[in-house]
């Protein structure tokens, strides 16, 4: 099956686009904060460590949101939890526009993160469970491609609106998904697999589900996924939330930095689309390992680039391969657990990853504060990403064409 046949089916097309736009809004909110902190650095005189704290608060909320939403989605349904997480992050994002101090904004970003962290694993599980095996991997990668659309919208908002109307306008726009949740309430159904096993999923306690993913049957998978999620999220949030700031550190103006990051962001889309093609042709492990290794190489290149042309070229490659790997990650993870604990397993792996998303912005802020060179910081990301690739190589199992059952 190709992308065209996937989109010809009205039911799968509607689900993919409905969940995809919720994903786009999620990415828009995450992307906007990376541009807002660049503006706030000038307005509020933030230190590098302040930037690390503010960008990291999103991920702190995501740690709790991903773990809680994964369990709740197994208990109450994918659709219901998806709607609630969408409402939480959009309302908190809108309120962020009213923040009058650094710590109030941090609190609101924490609440936003709870919703953001919960929405992503639940949406990917819903789409994964609703697709036939021959189309499932491609469908989830295409769902992930909406993330690039969200970052692109964030970059456009930041480039055209923040310099003129201030950073508050970006948060106001971030409240719009609350209205979209009203549409989703009628537009999508819960997955057939959840409906068929609803009573079994709802009857298990969180402790029971946690024990299940650490049984001998699933222990190897859980270790691999936790390593993979930690390294991917650590590197992504450490690099991409700092991209606009890194560009200003390298001597470019605020407007020029936003322009260059916008160009780099566009490269995310072909990264997703190529991953969507390769994931059904060559398998999940091939996509994960190849795209992670090339992400690591791109990170080392970006850190050592010393001209505008080299920075843009390295940034394009970084966006292309890193986001392609993300697409594979979301397609791969739900396929590794049985129905009864799938959402919980995905949520916990995502939650462990978000811990990496908490540490990385803080760590980069600390290293910048102590005058550690950007090239050294990006070599750190090079090493971390390779660890994730090695984990998949040694511990991962191929799931291409696998039916989702108990």
Protein backbone atom coordinates (compact mmCIF):
# COMPACT_ATOMS: atom_id res chain seq x y z
CA UNK A 1 0.00 0.00 0.00
CA UNK A 2 1.23 3.49 -0.76
CA UNK A 3 0.34 6.89 0.64
CA UNK A 4 -2.27 7.44 -2.07
CA UNK A 5 -4.21 4.26 -1.20
CA UNK A 6 -4.03 5.17 2.48
CA UNK A 7 -5.63 8.56 1.76
CA UNK A 8 -8.30 7.13 -0.59
CA UNK A 9 -10.12 5.42 2.26
CA UNK A 10 -12.43 8.13 3.67
CA UNK A 11 -12.42 6.69 7.20
CA UNK A 12 -8.63 6.36 7.57
CA UNK A 13 -8.11 9.70 5.84
CA UNK A 14 -10.47 11.47 8.24
CA UNK A 15 -8.83 9.90 11.30
CA UNK A 16 -5.31 10.68 10.05
CA UNK A 17 -6.09 14.33 9.36
CA UNK A 18 -8.22 14.81 12.49
CA UNK A 19 -5.51 13.41 14.79
CA UNK A 20 -2.86 15.08 12.63
CA UNK A 21 -4.16 18.59 13.22
CA UNK A 22 -4.18 17.98 16.98
CA UNK A 23 -0.52 16.95 16.55
CA UNK A 24 0.13 20.10 14.49
CA UNK A 25 -1.23 22.31 17.30
CA UNK A 26 0.93 20.43 19.80
CA UNK A 27 4.06 21.03 17.71
CA UNK A 28 3.10 24.66 17.16
CA UNK A 29 3.04 25.23 20.91
CA UNK A 30 6.39 23.50 21.48
CA UNK A 31 7.96 25.33 18.55
CA UNK A 32 6.65 28.75 19.55
CA UNK A 33 8.35 28.65 22.96
CA UNK A 34 11.78 28.31 21.30
CA UNK A 35 11.16 31.58 19.45
CA UNK A 36 9.47 33.30 22.42
CA UNK A 37 12.44 32.71 24.73
CA UNK A 38 14.68 34.38 22.16
CA UNK A 39 12.46 37.48 22.30
CA UNK A 40 12.09 37.27 26.10
CA UNK A 41 15.86 37.12 26.50
CA UNK A 42 15.98 40.65 25.15
CA UNK A 43 12.85 41.93 26.94
CA UNK A 44 13.22 40.26 30.35
CA UNK A 45 17.04 40.01 30.30
CA UNK A 46 17.01 36.24 30.78
CA UNK A 47 20.25 34.39 31.46
CA UNK A 48 21.09 31.15 29.59
CA UNK A 49 20.09 29.19 32.71
CA UNK A 50 16.74 31.03 32.80
CA UNK A 51 16.17 29.97 29.19
CA UNK A 52 16.99 26.39 30.15
CA UNK A 53 14.50 26.50 33.02
CA UNK A 54 11.70 28.00 30.93
CA UNK A 55 12.11 25.63 27.98
CA UNK A 56 12.59 22.70 30.36
CA UNK A 57 9.30 23.35 32.23
CA UNK A 58 7.36 22.13 29.21
CA UNK A 59 9.18 18.82 29.39
CA UNK A 60 8.71 18.51 33.16
CA UNK A 61 4.97 18.69 32.57
CA UNK A 62 5.31 16.22 29.69
CA UNK A 63 6.90 13.63 31.99
CA UNK A 64 3.77 13.55 34.15
CA UNK A 65 1.34 14.05 31.27
CA UNK A 66 2.70 11.17 29.17
CA UNK A 67 2.72 8.66 32.03
CA UNK A 68 -0.74 9.62 33.30
CA UNK A 69 -2.40 9.86 29.88
CA UNK A 70 -1.01 6.49 28.78
CA UNK A 71 -2.63 4.72 31.74
CA UNK A 72 -5.84 6.77 31.55
CA UNK A 73 -6.19 6.02 27.83
CA UNK A 74 -6.05 2.29 28.59
CA UNK A 75 -8.67 2.81 31.29
CA UNK A 76 -11.09 5.37 29.78
CA UNK A 77 -10.36 5.28 26.06
CA UNK A 78 -8.00 6.92 23.59
CA UNK A 79 -10.51 9.47 22.26
CA UNK A 80 -11.63 10.83 25.64
CA UNK A 81 -8.09 11.36 26.93
CA UNK A 82 -7.01 12.90 23.61
CA UNK A 83 -9.73 15.55 23.95
CA UNK A 84 -8.87 16.38 27.56
CA UNK A 85 -5.15 16.73 26.90
CA UNK A 86 -5.88 19.00 23.92
CA UNK A 87 -8.01 21.25 26.12
CA UNK A 88 -5.44 21.37 28.93
CA UNK A 89 -2.52 22.52 26.79
CA UNK A 90 -4.52 25.01 24.69
CA UNK A 91 -6.12 26.76 27.70
CA UNK A 92 -2.78 26.93 29.56
CA UNK A 93 -1.09 28.26 26.42
CA UNK A 94 -3.66 31.04 26.11
CA UNK A 95 -3.24 32.00 29.75
CA UNK A 96 0.53 32.21 29.21
CA UNK A 97 -0.06 35.41 27.23
CA UNK A 98 -1.12 37.06 30.50
CA UNK A 99 2.02 36.03 32.42
CA UNK A 100 3.64 39.05 34.04
CA UNK A 101 6.66 37.34 35.57
CA UNK A 102 9.17 34.63 34.75
CA UNK A 103 7.94 32.16 37.38
CA UNK A 104 4.26 32.57 36.52
CA UNK A 105 5.14 31.78 32.92
CA UNK A 106 7.13 28.73 34.08
CA UNK A 107 4.10 27.43 36.01
CA UNK A 108 1.80 27.86 33.01
CA UNK A 109 4.34 26.13 30.75
CA UNK A 110 4.40 23.21 33.20
CA UNK A 111 0.61 22.86 32.94
CA UNK A 112 0.83 23.20 29.17
CA UNK A 113 3.39 20.40 29.16
CA UNK A 114 1.00 18.05 30.99
CA UNK A 115 -1.44 18.37 28.12
CA UNK A 116 1.23 18.25 25.41
CA UNK A 117 2.93 15.19 26.86
CA UNK A 118 -0.35 13.33 27.19
CA UNK A 119 -1.72 14.10 23.73
CA UNK A 120 1.17 12.72 21.64
CA UNK A 121 1.34 9.06 22.78
CA UNK A 122 -2.45 8.78 22.93
CA UNK A 123 -2.92 10.12 19.39
CA UNK A 124 -0.24 7.82 17.97
CA UNK A 125 -1.76 4.79 19.74
CA UNK A 126 -5.24 5.67 18.44
CA UNK A 127 -4.02 5.91 14.83
CA UNK A 128 -1.80 2.81 15.13
CA UNK A 129 -4.67 0.67 16.45
CA UNK A 130 -7.09 1.90 13.77
CA UNK A 131 -4.96 1.00 10.72
CA UNK A 132 -4.34 -2.34 8.96
CA UNK A 133 -0.86 -3.81 9.42
CA UNK A 134 0.19 -3.05 5.83
CA UNK A 135 -0.49 0.67 6.30
CA UNK A 136 0.08 1.19 10.02
CA UNK A 137 3.74 2.27 10.03
CA UNK A 138 3.28 4.65 7.12
CA UNK A 139 0.11 6.11 8.69
CA UNK A 140 1.81 6.89 12.01
CA UNK A 141 4.82 8.47 10.28
CA UNK A 142 2.43 10.61 8.22
CA UNK A 143 0.68 11.54 11.48
CA UNK A 144 4.09 12.60 12.81
CA UNK A 145 4.65 14.72 9.70
CA UNK A 146 2.03 17.13 11.03
CA UNK A 147 4.63 17.97 13.68
CA UNK A 148 6.73 19.62 10.98
CA UNK A 149 3.66 21.57 9.91
CA UNK A 150 3.23 22.79 13.48
CA UNK A 151 6.86 23.92 13.71
CA UNK A 152 6.48 25.64 10.36
CA UNK A 153 3.39 27.50 11.62
CA UNK A 154 5.31 28.42 14.79
CA UNK A 155 8.22 29.73 12.72
CA UNK A 156 5.86 31.78 10.50
CA UNK A 157 4.03 33.24 13.51
CA UNK A 158 7.34 34.09 15.14
CA UNK A 159 8.87 35.59 12.01
CA UNK A 160 5.88 37.72 10.97
CA UNK A 161 4.04 38.49 14.23
CA UNK A 162 6.35 38.45 17.29
CA UNK A 163 8.64 41.30 16.11
CA UNK A 164 5.57 43.50 15.46
CA UNK A 165 2.99 42.48 18.07
CA UNK A 166 5.15 40.97 20.82
CA UNK A 167 5.52 37.43 22.17
CA UNK A 168 2.03 37.44 23.75
CA UNK A 169 0.32 37.09 20.35
CA UNK A 170 1.97 33.69 19.85
CA UNK A 171 0.46 32.36 23.08
CA UNK A 172 -2.98 33.75 22.18
CA UNK A 173 -2.87 31.82 18.90
CA UNK A 174 -1.81 28.76 20.93
CA UNK A 175 -5.24 28.79 22.62
CA UNK A 176 -7.09 28.03 19.37
CA UNK A 177 -6.88 24.21 19.71
CA UNK A 178 -9.52 24.45 22.46
CA UNK A 179 -12.04 25.14 19.70
CA UNK A 180 -10.67 22.25 17.63
CA UNK A 181 -11.40 19.84 20.49
CA UNK A 182 -15.12 20.53 19.99
CA UNK A 183 -14.79 19.32 16.39
CA UNK A 184 -12.81 16.21 17.36
CA UNK A 185 -15.51 15.20 19.83
CA UNK A 186 -17.78 14.39 16.89
CA UNK A 187 -15.23 13.67 14.16
CA UNK A 188 -13.36 10.62 15.52
CA UNK A 189 -14.16 7.31 17.18
CA UNK A 190 -12.15 5.22 19.60
CA UNK A 191 -9.99 2.50 18.10
CA UNK A 192 -11.61 -0.90 17.38
CA UNK A 193 -8.93 -2.66 19.43
CA UNK A 194 -9.70 -0.53 22.48
CA UNK A 195 -13.44 -1.15 22.13
CA UNK A 196 -12.99 -4.91 21.81
CA UNK A 197 -10.76 -5.15 24.89
CA UNK A 198 -12.24 -2.30 26.91
CA UNK A 199 -13.23 -4.33 29.96
CA UNK A 200 -9.83 -6.02 30.23
CA UNK A 201 -7.91 -2.76 29.79
CA UNK A 202 -10.03 -0.89 32.33
CA UNK A 203 -9.82 -3.61 34.99
CA UNK A 204 -6.03 -3.62 35.35
CA UNK A 205 -4.39 -1.30 37.88
CA UNK A 206 -1.44 0.90 37.02
CA UNK A 207 0.86 -1.31 39.11
CA UNK A 208 -0.31 -4.39 37.22
CA UNK A 209 0.35 -2.73 33.87
CA UNK A 210 3.77 -1.53 35.03
CA UNK A 211 4.66 -5.04 36.13
CA UNK A 212 3.47 -6.40 32.76
CA UNK A 213 5.91 -4.32 30.70
CA UNK A 214 8.77 -5.54 32.94
CA UNK A 215 7.98 -9.26 32.65
CA UNK A 216 10.59 -11.44 30.97
CA UNK A 217 8.59 -11.32 27.73
CA UNK A 218 8.70 -7.52 27.45
CA UNK A 219 11.77 -6.52 29.52
CA UNK A 220 14.16 -6.35 26.55
CA UNK A 221 11.67 -4.22 24.60
CA UNK A 222 11.10 -1.86 27.53
CA UNK A 223 14.85 -1.34 28.11
CA UNK A 224 15.38 -0.64 24.40
CA UNK A 225 12.46 1.79 24.20
CA UNK A 226 13.43 3.70 27.33
CA UNK A 227 17.01 4.13 26.06
CA UNK A 228 15.75 5.10 22.61
CA UNK A 229 13.15 7.60 23.85
CA UNK A 230 15.55 9.20 26.32
CA UNK A 231 18.30 9.72 23.75
CA UNK A 232 15.99 10.97 20.98
CA UNK A 233 14.05 13.41 23.18
CA UNK A 234 17.22 14.59 24.97
CA UNK A 235 18.89 15.44 21.69
CA UNK A 236 15.80 16.95 20.06
CA UNK A 237 14.87 19.33 22.86
CA UNK A 238 18.49 20.17 23.57
CA UNK A 239 19.14 21.10 19.95
CA UNK A 240 15.87 22.42 18.52
CA UNK A 241 14.66 24.51 21.44
CA UNK A 242 18.03 26.25 21.35
CA UNK A 243 18.29 26.67 17.56
CA UNK A 244 17.07 30.31 17.37
CA UNK A 245 19.24 31.22 20.38
CA UNK A 246 22.27 29.40 18.94
CA UNK A 247 21.86 31.39 15.73
CA UNK A 248 21.89 34.68 17.67
CA UNK A 249 24.97 33.47 19.60
CA UNK A 250 26.69 32.91 16.27
CA UNK A 251 26.18 36.59 15.46
CA UNK A 252 22.90 36.75 13.54
CA UNK A 253 20.11 39.24 14.32
CA UNK A 254 16.77 38.12 15.84
CA UNK A 255 14.97 38.46 12.49
CA UNK A 256 17.76 36.70 10.55
CA UNK A 257 17.89 33.88 13.14
CA UNK A 258 14.14 33.30 12.81
CA UNK A 259 14.49 33.33 9.00
CA UNK A 260 17.24 30.69 9.00
CA UNK A 261 15.37 28.44 11.47
CA UNK A 262 12.28 28.74 9.26
CA UNK A 263 14.33 27.43 6.32
CA UNK A 264 15.64 24.54 8.43
CA UNK A 265 12.11 23.71 9.62
CA UNK A 266 10.84 23.20 6.07
CA UNK A 267 13.33 20.30 5.73
CA UNK A 268 11.41 18.35 8.37
CA UNK A 269 8.62 17.49 5.90
CA UNK A 270 10.71 15.53 3.37
CA UNK A 271 12.38 13.84 6.34
CA UNK A 272 9.00 12.48 7.41
CA UNK A 273 7.87 11.55 3.91
CA UNK A 274 11.02 9.57 3.11
CA UNK A 275 10.76 7.78 6.47
CA UNK A 276 7.10 6.97 5.71
CA UNK A 277 8.21 5.34 2.44
CA UNK A 278 11.19 3.42 3.83
CA UNK A 279 9.44 2.19 6.99
CA UNK A 280 7.15 -0.15 5.05
CA UNK A 281 9.75 -1.00 2.39
CA UNK A 282 12.79 -1.77 4.58
CA UNK A 283 11.35 -1.98 8.10
CA UNK A 284 11.33 -0.07 11.38
CA UNK A 285 14.86 -0.92 12.52
CA UNK A 286 16.38 0.21 9.23
CA UNK A 287 14.67 3.61 9.47
CA UNK A 288 15.51 4.12 13.14
CA UNK A 289 19.20 3.20 12.88
CA UNK A 290 19.89 4.95 9.56
CA UNK A 291 18.13 8.19 10.44
CA UNK A 292 19.63 8.34 13.94
CA UNK A 293 23.19 7.82 12.70
CA UNK A 294 22.74 10.54 10.08
CA UNK A 295 21.19 12.82 12.71
CA UNK A 296 24.31 12.35 14.85
CA UNK A 297 26.58 13.23 11.91
CA UNK A 298 24.45 16.32 11.17
CA UNK A 299 24.66 17.44 14.81
CA UNK A 300 28.46 17.30 14.78
CA UNK A 301 28.48 19.20 11.47
CA UNK A 302 26.10 21.90 12.74
CA UNK A 303 28.11 22.44 15.91
CA UNK A 304 31.28 23.04 13.90
CA UNK A 305 29.75 25.10 11.05
CA UNK A 306 31.24 28.59 10.86
CA UNK A 307 29.39 30.29 7.99
CA UNK A 308 25.75 31.05 7.20
CA UNK A 309 25.74 28.62 4.27
CA UNK A 310 27.23 25.76 6.32
CA UNK A 311 24.87 26.43 9.23
CA UNK A 312 21.81 26.32 6.99
CA UNK A 313 22.99 23.18 5.16
CA UNK A 314 23.80 21.36 8.42
CA UNK A 315 20.55 22.58 10.00
CA UNK A 316 18.54 21.28 7.03
CA UNK A 317 20.17 17.83 7.37
CA UNK A 318 19.62 17.90 11.13
CA UNK A 319 15.91 18.65 10.66
CA UNK A 320 15.52 16.10 7.85
CA UNK A 321 17.04 13.11 9.63
CA UNK A 322 16.01 13.90 13.21
CA UNK A 323 12.34 14.32 12.38
CA UNK A 324 12.38 11.28 10.12
CA UNK A 325 13.67 9.32 13.13
CA UNK A 326 10.83 10.74 15.25
CA UNK A 327 8.32 9.45 12.70
CA UNK A 328 9.82 5.99 12.93
CA UNK A 329 9.86 6.16 16.72
CA UNK A 330 6.13 6.80 17.02
CA UNK A 331 5.33 4.10 14.45
CA UNK A 332 7.60 1.54 16.11
CA UNK A 333 6.70 1.97 19.80
CA UNK A 334 2.99 0.96 19.83
CA UNK A 335 3.77 -2.19 17.84
CA UNK A 336 5.95 -3.63 20.61
CA UNK A 337 3.29 -4.10 23.32
CA UNK A 338 0.04 -6.11 23.49
CA UNK A 339 -3.35 -4.37 23.37
CA UNK A 340 -4.01 -4.48 27.12
CA UNK A 341 -0.93 -2.43 28.08
CA UNK A 342 -0.12 -0.69 24.79
CA UNK A 343 -1.06 2.86 25.73
CA UNK A 344 0.51 2.50 29.18
CA UNK A 345 3.73 1.14 27.67
CA UNK A 346 3.87 3.88 25.06
CA UNK A 347 3.07 6.53 27.68
CA UNK A 348 5.79 5.36 30.07
CA UNK A 349 8.42 5.16 27.31
CA UNK A 350 7.42 8.66 26.24
CA UNK A 351 7.57 9.82 29.87
CA UNK A 352 11.12 8.50 30.28
CA UNK A 353 12.00 10.31 27.08
CA UNK A 354 10.56 13.54 28.46
CA UNK A 355 13.01 13.29 31.36
CA UNK A 356 15.68 13.70 28.70
CA UNK A 357 13.71 16.69 27.43
CA UNK A 358 13.87 18.19 30.93
CA UNK A 359 17.60 17.62 31.38
CA UNK A 360 18.82 18.77 27.96
CA UNK A 361 17.61 22.43 27.96
CA UNK A 362 18.91 22.86 31.54
CA UNK A 363 22.23 21.28 30.61
CA UNK A 364 22.67 23.39 27.47
CA UNK A 365 21.83 26.51 29.49
CA UNK A 366 24.42 25.55 32.11
CA UNK A 367 27.08 24.84 29.48
CA UNK A 368 26.43 28.10 27.62
CA UNK A 369 26.49 30.00 30.93
CA UNK A 370 29.94 28.54 31.60
CA UNK A 371 31.25 29.48 28.15
CA UNK A 372 31.48 25.94 26.79
CA UNK A 373 31.73 26.11 23.00
CA UNK A 374 28.70 25.30 20.84
CA UNK A 375 30.81 22.75 18.95
CA UNK A 376 31.46 20.83 22.19
CA UNK A 377 27.76 20.90 23.11
CA UNK A 378 26.78 19.41 19.75
CA UNK A 379 29.43 16.68 20.05
CA UNK A 380 27.59 15.66 23.23
CA UNK A 381 24.42 15.29 21.15
CA UNK A 382 26.38 13.30 18.56
CA UNK A 383 27.37 10.75 21.20
CA UNK A 384 23.92 10.54 22.83
CA UNK A 385 22.14 9.96 19.51
CA UNK A 386 24.57 7.15 18.59
CA UNK A 387 23.76 5.43 21.91
CA UNK A 388 20.10 5.36 20.86
CA UNK A 389 20.98 3.87 17.47
CA UNK A 390 23.14 1.18 19.10
CA UNK A 391 20.27 0.32 21.48
CA UNK A 392 17.93 -0.35 18.55
CA UNK A 393 20.60 -2.36 16.73
CA UNK A 394 21.31 -4.65 19.69
CA UNK A 395 17.94 -4.88 21.46
CA UNK A 396 15.28 -3.97 18.89
CA UNK A 397 13.01 -6.45 17.09
CA UNK A 398 11.48 -5.88 13.66
CA UNK A 399 7.69 -5.33 13.66
CA UNK A 400 7.00 -4.65 9.98
CA UNK A 401 3.69 -6.33 9.01
CA UNK A 402 2.97 -7.47 12.57
CA UNK A 403 -0.69 -7.60 13.58
CA UNK A 404 -1.61 -5.80 16.81
CA UNK A 405 -3.05 -8.45 19.14
CA UNK A 406 -2.71 -9.77 22.65
